[in-house]
C-alpha cells in the first residue's frame, strides 16, 4: 500500500507537470490535479506510524493547500463557463 501510494504521487506529479506545460488554456485541470496530488500526500503522511510534529505540520499545510486548489479549480470552471 505504501509503495502504491508513492507511485501514485509520482504519477500525479508527472501529470501535473504535463498539465502545466501542455494545458495552459485549462487552468482548472492544473488546479484539480494539484489538489489530487496534495490529497495523496496527506493520505500517505497520515499512514506513517509515529506521527511527529513535522508529520502533523505536513498534513495541516497540505490539507489547507488542497482546499485552496479545490476552490481555485471550481472558480476556474465558473470563469471558463462565462
PDB file of N, CA and C in Angstrom:
ATOM      1  N   UNK A   1       0.820  -1.190   0.000  1.00  0.00           N
ATOM      2  CA  UNK A   1       0.000   0.000   0.000  1.00  0.00           C
ATOM      3  C   UNK A   1       0.869   1.262   0.000  1.00  0.00           C
ATOM      4  N   UNK A   2       1.910   1.232   0.816  1.00  0.00           N
ATOM      5  CA  UNK A   2       2.794   2.388   0.916  1.00  0.00           C
ATOM      6  C   UNK A   2       3.509   2.644  -0.405  1.00  0.00           C
ATOM      7  N   UNK A   3       3.969   1.573  -1.040  1.00  0.00           N
ATOM      8  CA  UNK A   3       4.664   1.716  -2.315  1.00  0.00           C
ATOM      9  C   UNK A   3       3.701   2.157  -3.418  1.00  0.00           C
ATOM     10  N   UNK A   4       2.478   1.661  -3.382  1.00  0.00           N
ATOM     11  CA  UNK A   4       1.485   2.058  -4.370  1.00  0.00           C
ATOM     12  C   UNK A   4       1.178   3.555  -4.264  1.00  0.00           C
ATOM     13  N   UNK A   5       1.041   4.053  -3.035  1.00  0.00           N
ATOM     14  CA  UNK A   5       0.809   5.488  -2.848  1.00  0.00           C
ATOM     15  C   UNK A   5       1.982   6.316  -3.352  1.00  0.00           C
ATOM     16  N   UNK A   6       3.189   5.806  -3.139  1.00  0.00           N
ATOM     17  CA  UNK A   6       4.366   6.529  -3.639  1.00  0.00           C
ATOM     18  C   UNK A   6       4.346   6.616  -5.164  1.00  0.00           C
ATOM     19  N   UNK A   7       3.996   5.521  -5.818  1.00  0.00           N
ATOM     20  CA  UNK A   7       3.918   5.533  -7.279  1.00  0.00           C
ATOM     21  C   UNK A   7       2.785   6.425  -7.774  1.00  0.00           C
ATOM     22  N   UNK A   8       1.668   6.448  -7.039  1.00  0.00           N
ATOM     23  CA  UNK A   8       0.565   7.332  -7.416  1.00  0.00           C
ATOM     24  C   UNK A   8       0.963   8.803  -7.285  1.00  0.00           C
ATOM     25  N   UNK A   9       1.707   9.134  -6.236  1.00  0.00           N
ATOM     26  CA  UNK A   9       2.161  10.515  -6.059  1.00  0.00           C
ATOM     27  C   UNK A   9       3.128  10.907  -7.168  1.00  0.00           C
ATOM     28  N   UNK A  10       4.035  10.019  -7.520  1.00  0.00           N
ATOM     29  CA  UNK A  10       4.975  10.296  -8.612  1.00  0.00           C
ATOM     30  C   UNK A  10       4.232  10.447  -9.935  1.00  0.00           C
ATOM     31  N   UNK A  11       3.287   9.548 -10.196  1.00  0.00           N
ATOM     32  CA  UNK A  11       2.493   9.636 -11.422  1.00  0.00           C
ATOM     33  C   UNK A  11       1.671  10.907 -11.489  1.00  0.00           C
ATOM     34  N   UNK A  12       1.096  11.301 -10.363  1.00  0.00           N
ATOM     35  CA  UNK A  12       0.316  12.527 -10.336  1.00  0.00           C
ATOM     36  C   UNK A  12       1.224  13.745 -10.522  1.00  0.00           C
ATOM     37  N   UNK A  13       2.435  13.687  -9.975  1.00  0.00           N
ATOM     38  CA  UNK A  13       3.395  14.772 -10.189  1.00  0.00           C
ATOM     39  C   UNK A  13       3.763  14.920 -11.658  1.00  0.00           C
ATOM     40  N   UNK A  14       3.928  13.802 -12.344  1.00  0.00           N
ATOM     41  CA  UNK A  14       4.214  13.839 -13.783  1.00  0.00           C
ATOM     42  C   UNK A  14       3.029  14.413 -14.551  1.00  0.00           C
ATOM     43  N   UNK A  15       1.813  14.031 -14.139  1.00  0.00           N
ATOM     44  CA  UNK A  15       0.627  14.574 -14.800  1.00  0.00           C
ATOM     45  C   UNK A  15       0.492  16.075 -14.550  1.00  0.00           C
ATOM     46  N   UNK A  16       0.802  16.522 -13.342  1.00  0.00           N
ATOM     47  CA  UNK A  16       0.757  17.958 -13.042  1.00  0.00           C
ATOM     48  C   UNK A  16       1.747  18.702 -13.921  1.00  0.00           C
ATOM     49  N   UNK A  17       2.947  18.156 -14.061  1.00  0.00           N
ATOM     50  CA  UNK A  17       3.940  18.785 -14.942  1.00  0.00           C
ATOM     51  C   UNK A  17       3.418  18.849 -16.375  1.00  0.00           C
ATOM     52  N   UNK A  18       2.835  17.751 -16.867  1.00  0.00           N
ATOM     53  CA  UNK A  18       2.288  17.726 -18.224  1.00  0.00           C
ATOM     54  C   UNK A  18       1.172  18.756 -18.367  1.00  0.00           C
ATOM     55  N   UNK A  19       0.306  18.842 -17.362  1.00  0.00           N
ATOM     56  CA  UNK A  19      -0.804  19.806 -17.425  1.00  0.00           C
ATOM     57  C   UNK A  19      -0.285  21.240 -17.408  1.00  0.00           C
ATOM     58  N   UNK A  20       0.756  21.493 -16.628  1.00  0.00           N
ATOM     59  CA  UNK A  20       1.332  22.844 -16.595  1.00  0.00           C
ATOM     60  C   UNK A  20       1.953  23.225 -17.923  1.00  0.00           C
ATOM     61  N   UNK A  21       2.549  22.258 -18.600  1.00  0.00           N
ATOM     62  CA  UNK A  21       3.232  22.549 -19.860  1.00  0.00           C
ATOM     63  C   UNK A  21       2.252  22.601 -21.032  1.00  0.00           C
ATOM     64  N   UNK A  22       1.349  21.638 -21.123  1.00  0.00           N
ATOM     65  CA  UNK A  22       0.514  21.496 -22.320  1.00  0.00           C
ATOM     66  C   UNK A  22      -0.886  22.085 -22.192  1.00  0.00           C
ATOM     67  N   UNK A  23      -1.437  22.168 -21.001  1.00  0.00           N
ATOM     68  CA  UNK A  23      -2.833  22.572 -20.846  1.00  0.00           C
ATOM     69  C   UNK A  23      -2.963  23.929 -20.164  1.00  0.00           C
ATOM     70  N   UNK A  24      -2.223  24.896 -20.643  1.00  0.00           N
ATOM     71  CA  UNK A  24      -2.247  26.234 -20.039  1.00  0.00           C
ATOM     72  C   UNK A  24      -3.589  26.925 -20.227  1.00  0.00           C
ATOM     73  N   UNK A  25      -4.328  26.574 -21.263  1.00  0.00           N
ATOM     74  CA  UNK A  25      -5.610  27.213 -21.513  1.00  0.00           C
ATOM     75  C   UNK A  25      -6.718  26.645 -20.629  1.00  0.00           C
ATOM     76  N   UNK A  26      -6.450  25.576 -19.899  1.00  0.00           N
ATOM     77  CA  UNK A  26      -7.436  24.976 -18.991  1.00  0.00           C
ATOM     78  C   UNK A  26      -6.846  24.914 -17.582  1.00  0.00           C
ATOM     79  N   UNK A  27      -6.857  26.027 -16.855  1.00  0.00           N
ATOM     80  CA  UNK A  27      -6.213  26.038 -15.534  1.00  0.00           C
ATOM     81  C   UNK A  27      -6.922  25.178 -14.495  1.00  0.00           C
ATOM     82  N   UNK A  28      -8.204  24.872 -14.709  1.00  0.00           N
ATOM     83  CA  UNK A  28      -8.904  24.042 -13.739  1.00  0.00           C
ATOM     84  C   UNK A  28      -8.370  22.616 -13.719  1.00  0.00           C
ATOM     85  N   UNK A  29      -7.846  22.128 -14.827  1.00  0.00           N
ATOM     86  CA  UNK A  29      -7.231  20.797 -14.836  1.00  0.00           C
ATOM     87  C   UNK A  29      -5.975  20.807 -13.977  1.00  0.00           C
ATOM     88  N   UNK A  30      -5.201  21.867 -14.085  1.00  0.00           N
ATOM     89  CA  UNK A  30      -3.994  22.001 -13.256  1.00  0.00           C
ATOM     90  C   UNK A  30      -4.373  22.070 -11.786  1.00  0.00           C
ATOM     91  N   UNK A  31      -5.397  22.869 -11.451  1.00  0.00           N
ATOM     92  CA  UNK A  31      -5.811  23.007 -10.059  1.00  0.00           C
ATOM     93  C   UNK A  31      -6.309  21.684  -9.479  1.00  0.00           C
ATOM     94  N   UNK A  32      -7.137  20.970 -10.227  1.00  0.00           N
ATOM     95  CA  UNK A  32      -7.668  19.710  -9.711  1.00  0.00           C
ATOM     96  C   UNK A  32      -6.600  18.622  -9.620  1.00  0.00           C
ATOM     97  N   UNK A  33      -5.647  18.611 -10.556  1.00  0.00           N
ATOM     98  CA  UNK A  33      -4.582  17.617 -10.465  1.00  0.00           C
ATOM     99  C   UNK A  33      -3.638  17.932  -9.303  1.00  0.00           C
ATOM    100  N   UNK A  34      -3.387  19.205  -9.053  1.00  0.00           N
ATOM    101  CA  UNK A  34      -2.585  19.589  -7.883  1.00  0.00           C
ATOM    102  C   UNK A  34      -3.306  19.220  -6.590  1.00  0.00           C
ATOM    103  N   UNK A  35      -4.618  19.423  -6.555  1.00  0.00           N
ATOM    104  CA  UNK A  35      -5.366  19.072  -5.345  1.00  0.00           C
ATOM    105  C   UNK A  35      -5.361  17.561  -5.132  1.00  0.00           C
ATOM    106  N   UNK A  36      -5.434  16.788  -6.198  1.00  0.00           N
ATOM    107  CA  UNK A  36      -5.373  15.336  -6.055  1.00  0.00           C
ATOM    108  C   UNK A  36      -4.005  14.892  -5.538  1.00  0.00           C
ATOM    109  N   UNK A  37      -2.951  15.518  -6.035  1.00  0.00           N
ATOM    110  CA  UNK A  37      -1.616  15.168  -5.557  1.00  0.00           C
ATOM    111  C   UNK A  37      -1.447  15.531  -4.085  1.00  0.00           C
ATOM    112  N   UNK A  38      -1.958  16.685  -3.675  1.00  0.00           N
ATOM    113  CA  UNK A  38      -1.877  17.083  -2.270  1.00  0.00           C
ATOM    114  C   UNK A  38      -2.679  16.138  -1.386  1.00  0.00           C
ATOM    115  N   UNK A  39      -3.833  15.688  -1.866  1.00  0.00           N
ATOM    116  CA  UNK A  39      -4.630  14.742  -1.097  1.00  0.00           C
ATOM    117  C   UNK A  39      -3.892  13.411  -0.933  1.00  0.00           C
ATOM    118  N   UNK A  40      -3.199  12.973  -1.978  1.00  0.00           N
ATOM    119  CA  UNK A  40      -2.401  11.750  -1.873  1.00  0.00           C
ATOM    120  C   UNK A  40      -1.255  11.917  -0.874  1.00  0.00           C
ATOM    121  N   UNK A  41      -0.646  13.084  -0.834  1.00  0.00           N
ATOM    122  CA  UNK A  41       0.430  13.347   0.125  1.00  0.00           C
ATOM    123  C   UNK A  41      -0.112  13.322   1.545  1.00  0.00           C
ATOM    124  N   UNK A  42      -1.292  13.914   1.752  1.00  0.00           N
ATOM    125  CA  UNK A  42      -1.912  13.881   3.081  1.00  0.00           C
ATOM    126  C   UNK A  42      -2.211  12.447   3.486  1.00  0.00           C
ATOM    127  N   UNK A  43      -2.734  11.665   2.555  1.00  0.00           N
ATOM    128  CA  UNK A  43      -3.072  10.275   2.843  1.00  0.00           C
ATOM    129  C   UNK A  43      -1.819   9.470   3.201  1.00  0.00           C
ATOM    130  N   UNK A  44      -0.761   9.633   2.417  1.00  0.00           N
ATOM    131  CA  UNK A  44       0.478   8.900   2.682  1.00  0.00           C
ATOM    132  C   UNK A  44       1.093   9.316   4.013  1.00  0.00           C
ATOM    133  N   UNK A  45       1.076  10.594   4.310  1.00  0.00           N
ATOM    134  CA  UNK A  45       1.658  11.066   5.565  1.00  0.00           C
ATOM    135  C   UNK A  45       0.851  10.599   6.761  1.00  0.00           C
ATOM    136  N   UNK A  46      -0.472  10.541   6.615  1.00  0.00           N
ATOM    137  CA  UNK A  46      -1.299  10.099   7.739  1.00  0.00           C
ATOM    138  C   UNK A  46      -1.139   8.610   8.019  1.00  0.00           C
ATOM    139  N   UNK A  47      -0.639   7.856   7.048  1.00  0.00           N
ATOM    140  CA  UNK A  47      -0.416   6.423   7.262  1.00  0.00           C
ATOM    141  C   UNK A  47       0.916   6.130   7.952  1.00  0.00           C
ATOM    142  N   UNK A  48       1.738   7.154   8.152  1.00  0.00           N
ATOM    143  CA  UNK A  48       3.003   6.942   8.846  1.00  0.00           C
ATOM    144  C   UNK A  48       2.718   6.511  10.279  1.00  0.00           C
ATOM    145  N   UNK A  49       3.513   5.583  10.784  1.00  0.00           N
ATOM    146  CA  UNK A  49       3.219   5.023  12.108  1.00  0.00           C
ATOM    147  C   UNK A  49       3.440   6.019  13.236  1.00  0.00           C
ATOM    148  N   UNK A  50       4.642   6.501  13.481  1.00  0.00           N
ATOM    149  CA  UNK A  50       4.739   7.530  14.537  1.00  0.00           C
ATOM    150  C   UNK A  50       4.561   8.920  13.923  1.00  0.00           C
ATOM    151  N   UNK A  51       3.448   9.558  14.231  1.00  0.00           N
ATOM    152  CA  UNK A  51       3.217  10.911  13.735  1.00  0.00           C
ATOM    153  C   UNK A  51       3.892  11.907  14.672  1.00  0.00           C
ATOM    154  N   UNK A  52       4.938  12.544  14.190  1.00  0.00           N
ATOM    155  CA  UNK A  52       5.606  13.567  14.999  1.00  0.00           C
ATOM    156  C   UNK A  52       5.082  14.942  14.587  1.00  0.00           C
ATOM    157  N   UNK A  53       5.665  15.982  15.131  1.00  0.00           N
ATOM    158  CA  UNK A  53       5.169  17.330  14.868  1.00  0.00           C
ATOM    159  C   UNK A  53       5.367  17.732  13.407  1.00  0.00           C
ATOM    160  N   UNK A  54       6.415  17.219  12.764  1.00  0.00           N
ATOM    161  CA  UNK A  54       6.651  17.535  11.359  1.00  0.00           C
ATOM    162  C   UNK A  54       5.589  16.883  10.473  1.00  0.00           C
ATOM    163  N   UNK A  55       5.220  15.651  10.776  1.00  0.00           N
ATOM    164  CA  UNK A  55       4.178  14.961  10.002  1.00  0.00           C
ATOM    165  C   UNK A  55       2.841  15.663  10.149  1.00  0.00           C
ATOM    166  N   UNK A  56       2.530  16.088  11.347  1.00  0.00           N
ATOM    167  CA  UNK A  56       1.276  16.794  11.571  1.00  0.00           C
ATOM    168  C   UNK A  56       1.284  18.131  10.831  1.00  0.00           C
ATOM    169  N   UNK A  57       2.433  18.801  10.804  1.00  0.00           N
ATOM    170  CA  UNK A  57       2.557  20.049  10.048  1.00  0.00           C
ATOM    171  C   UNK A  57       2.348  19.831   8.562  1.00  0.00           C
ATOM    172  N   UNK A  58       2.901  18.738   8.033  1.00  0.00           N
ATOM    173  CA  UNK A  58       2.716  18.419   6.613  1.00  0.00           C
ATOM    174  C   UNK A  58       1.246  18.156   6.324  1.00  0.00           C
ATOM    175  N   UNK A  59       0.582  17.421   7.191  1.00  0.00           N
ATOM    176  CA  UNK A  59      -0.832  17.119   6.994  1.00  0.00           C
ATOM    177  C   UNK A  59      -1.662  18.404   7.000  1.00  0.00           C
ATOM    178  N   UNK A  60      -1.390  19.285   7.940  1.00  0.00           N
ATOM    179  CA  UNK A  60      -2.160  20.535   8.031  1.00  0.00           C
ATOM    180  C   UNK A  60      -1.896  21.424   6.819  1.00  0.00           C
ATOM    181  N   UNK A  61      -0.637  21.620   6.473  1.00  0.00           N
ATOM    182  CA  UNK A  61      -0.307  22.528   5.359  1.00  0.00           C
ATOM    183  C   UNK A  61      -0.800  21.975   4.016  1.00  0.00           C
ATOM    184  N   UNK A  62      -0.601  20.691   3.771  1.00  0.00           N
ATOM    185  CA  UNK A  62      -1.083  20.108   2.513  1.00  0.00           C
ATOM    186  C   UNK A  62      -2.608  20.049   2.482  1.00  0.00           C
ATOM    187  N   UNK A  63      -3.235  19.885   3.645  1.00  0.00           N
ATOM    188  CA  UNK A  63      -4.694  19.912   3.699  1.00  0.00           C
ATOM    189  C   UNK A  63      -5.238  21.281   3.343  1.00  0.00           C
ATOM    190  N   UNK A  64      -4.609  22.322   3.872  1.00  0.00           N
ATOM    191  CA  UNK A  64      -5.023  23.683   3.525  1.00  0.00           C
ATOM    192  C   UNK A  64      -4.770  23.988   2.049  1.00  0.00           C
ATOM    193  N   UNK A  65      -3.629  23.540   1.541  1.00  0.00           N
ATOM    194  CA  UNK A  65      -3.323  23.761   0.121  1.00  0.00           C
ATOM    195  C   UNK A  65      -4.295  22.984  -0.770  1.00  0.00           C
ATOM    196  N   UNK A  66      -4.710  21.787  -0.325  1.00  0.00           N
ATOM    197  CA  UNK A  66      -5.707  21.004  -1.067  1.00  0.00           C
ATOM    198  C   UNK A  66      -7.012  21.777  -1.178  1.00  0.00           C
ATOM    199  N   UNK A  67      -7.464  22.354  -0.073  1.00  0.00           N
ATOM    200  CA  UNK A  67      -8.712  23.116  -0.084  1.00  0.00           C
ATOM    201  C   UNK A  67      -8.586  24.340  -0.991  1.00  0.00           C
ATOM    202  N   UNK A  68      -7.448  25.029  -0.919  1.00  0.00           N
ATOM    203  CA  UNK A  68      -7.247  26.206  -1.764  1.00  0.00           C
ATOM    204  C   UNK A  68      -7.245  25.850  -3.250  1.00  0.00           C
ATOM    205  N   UNK A  69      -6.570  24.774  -3.620  1.00  0.00           N
ATOM    206  CA  UNK A  69      -6.529  24.351  -5.016  1.00  0.00           C
ATOM    207  C   UNK A  69      -7.902  23.913  -5.504  1.00  0.00           C
ATOM    208  N   UNK A  70      -8.666  23.267  -4.631  1.00  0.00           N
ATOM    209  CA  UNK A  70     -10.009  22.849  -4.990  1.00  0.00           C
ATOM    210  C   UNK A  70     -10.907  24.062  -5.245  1.00  0.00           C
ATOM    211  N   UNK A  71     -10.821  25.058  -4.387  1.00  0.00           N
ATOM    212  CA  UNK A  71     -11.613  26.278  -4.572  1.00  0.00           C
ATOM    213  C   UNK A  71     -11.176  27.005  -5.844  1.00  0.00           C
ATOM    214  N   UNK A  72      -9.882  27.078  -6.074  1.00  0.00           N
ATOM    215  CA  UNK A  72      -9.390  27.743  -7.287  1.00  0.00           C
ATOM    216  C   UNK A  72      -9.832  27.000  -8.543  1.00  0.00           C
ATOM    217  N   UNK A  73      -9.883  25.676  -8.484  1.00  0.00           N
ATOM    218  CA  UNK A  73     -10.361  24.896  -9.629  1.00  0.00           C
ATOM    219  C   UNK A  73     -11.830  25.132  -9.901  1.00  0.00           C
ATOM    220  N   UNK A  74     -12.635  25.210  -8.847  1.00  0.00           N
ATOM    221  CA  UNK A  74     -14.064  25.479  -9.015  1.00  0.00           C
ATOM    222  C   UNK A  74     -14.274  26.860  -9.596  1.00  0.00           C
ATOM    223  N   UNK A  75     -13.516  27.842  -9.109  1.00  0.00           N
ATOM    224  CA  UNK A  75     -13.616  29.207  -9.658  1.00  0.00           C
ATOM    225  C   UNK A  75     -13.174  29.249 -11.125  1.00  0.00           C
ATOM    226  N   UNK A  76     -12.149  28.477 -11.471  1.00  0.00           N
ATOM    227  CA  UNK A  76     -11.687  28.448 -12.861  1.00  0.00           C
ATOM    228  C   UNK A  76     -12.743  27.866 -13.782  1.00  0.00           C
ATOM    229  N   UNK A  77     -13.455  26.836 -13.305  1.00  0.00           N
ATOM    230  CA  UNK A  77     -14.531  26.257 -14.119  1.00  0.00           C
ATOM    231  C   UNK A  77     -15.651  27.273 -14.314  1.00  0.00           C
ATOM    232  N   UNK A  78     -15.988  27.995 -13.244  1.00  0.00           N
ATOM    233  CA  UNK A  78     -17.037  29.002 -13.357  1.00  0.00           C
ATOM    234  C   UNK A  78     -16.641  30.122 -14.303  1.00  0.00           C
ATOM    235  N   UNK A  79     -15.384  30.517 -14.296  1.00  0.00           N
ATOM    236  CA  UNK A  79     -14.923  31.555 -15.217  1.00  0.00           C
ATOM    237  C   UNK A  79     -14.869  31.045 -16.651  1.00  0.00           C
ATOM    238  N   UNK A  80     -14.570  29.753 -16.829  1.00  0.00           N
ATOM    239  CA  UNK A  80     -14.499  29.190 -18.177  1.00  0.00           C
ATOM    240  C   UNK A  80     -15.895  29.076 -18.808  1.00  0.00           C
ATOM    241  N   UNK A  81     -16.920  28.909 -17.974  1.00  0.00           N
ATOM    242  CA  UNK A  81     -18.286  28.791 -18.500  1.00  0.00           C
ATOM    243  C   UNK A  81     -18.833  30.135 -18.973  1.00  0.00           C
ATOM    244  N   UNK A  82     -18.303  31.222 -18.442  1.00  0.00           N
ATOM    245  CA  UNK A  82     -18.808  32.560 -18.799  1.00  0.00           C
ATOM    246  C   UNK A  82     -18.303  33.023 -20.137  1.00  0.00           C
TER     247      UNK A  82
END
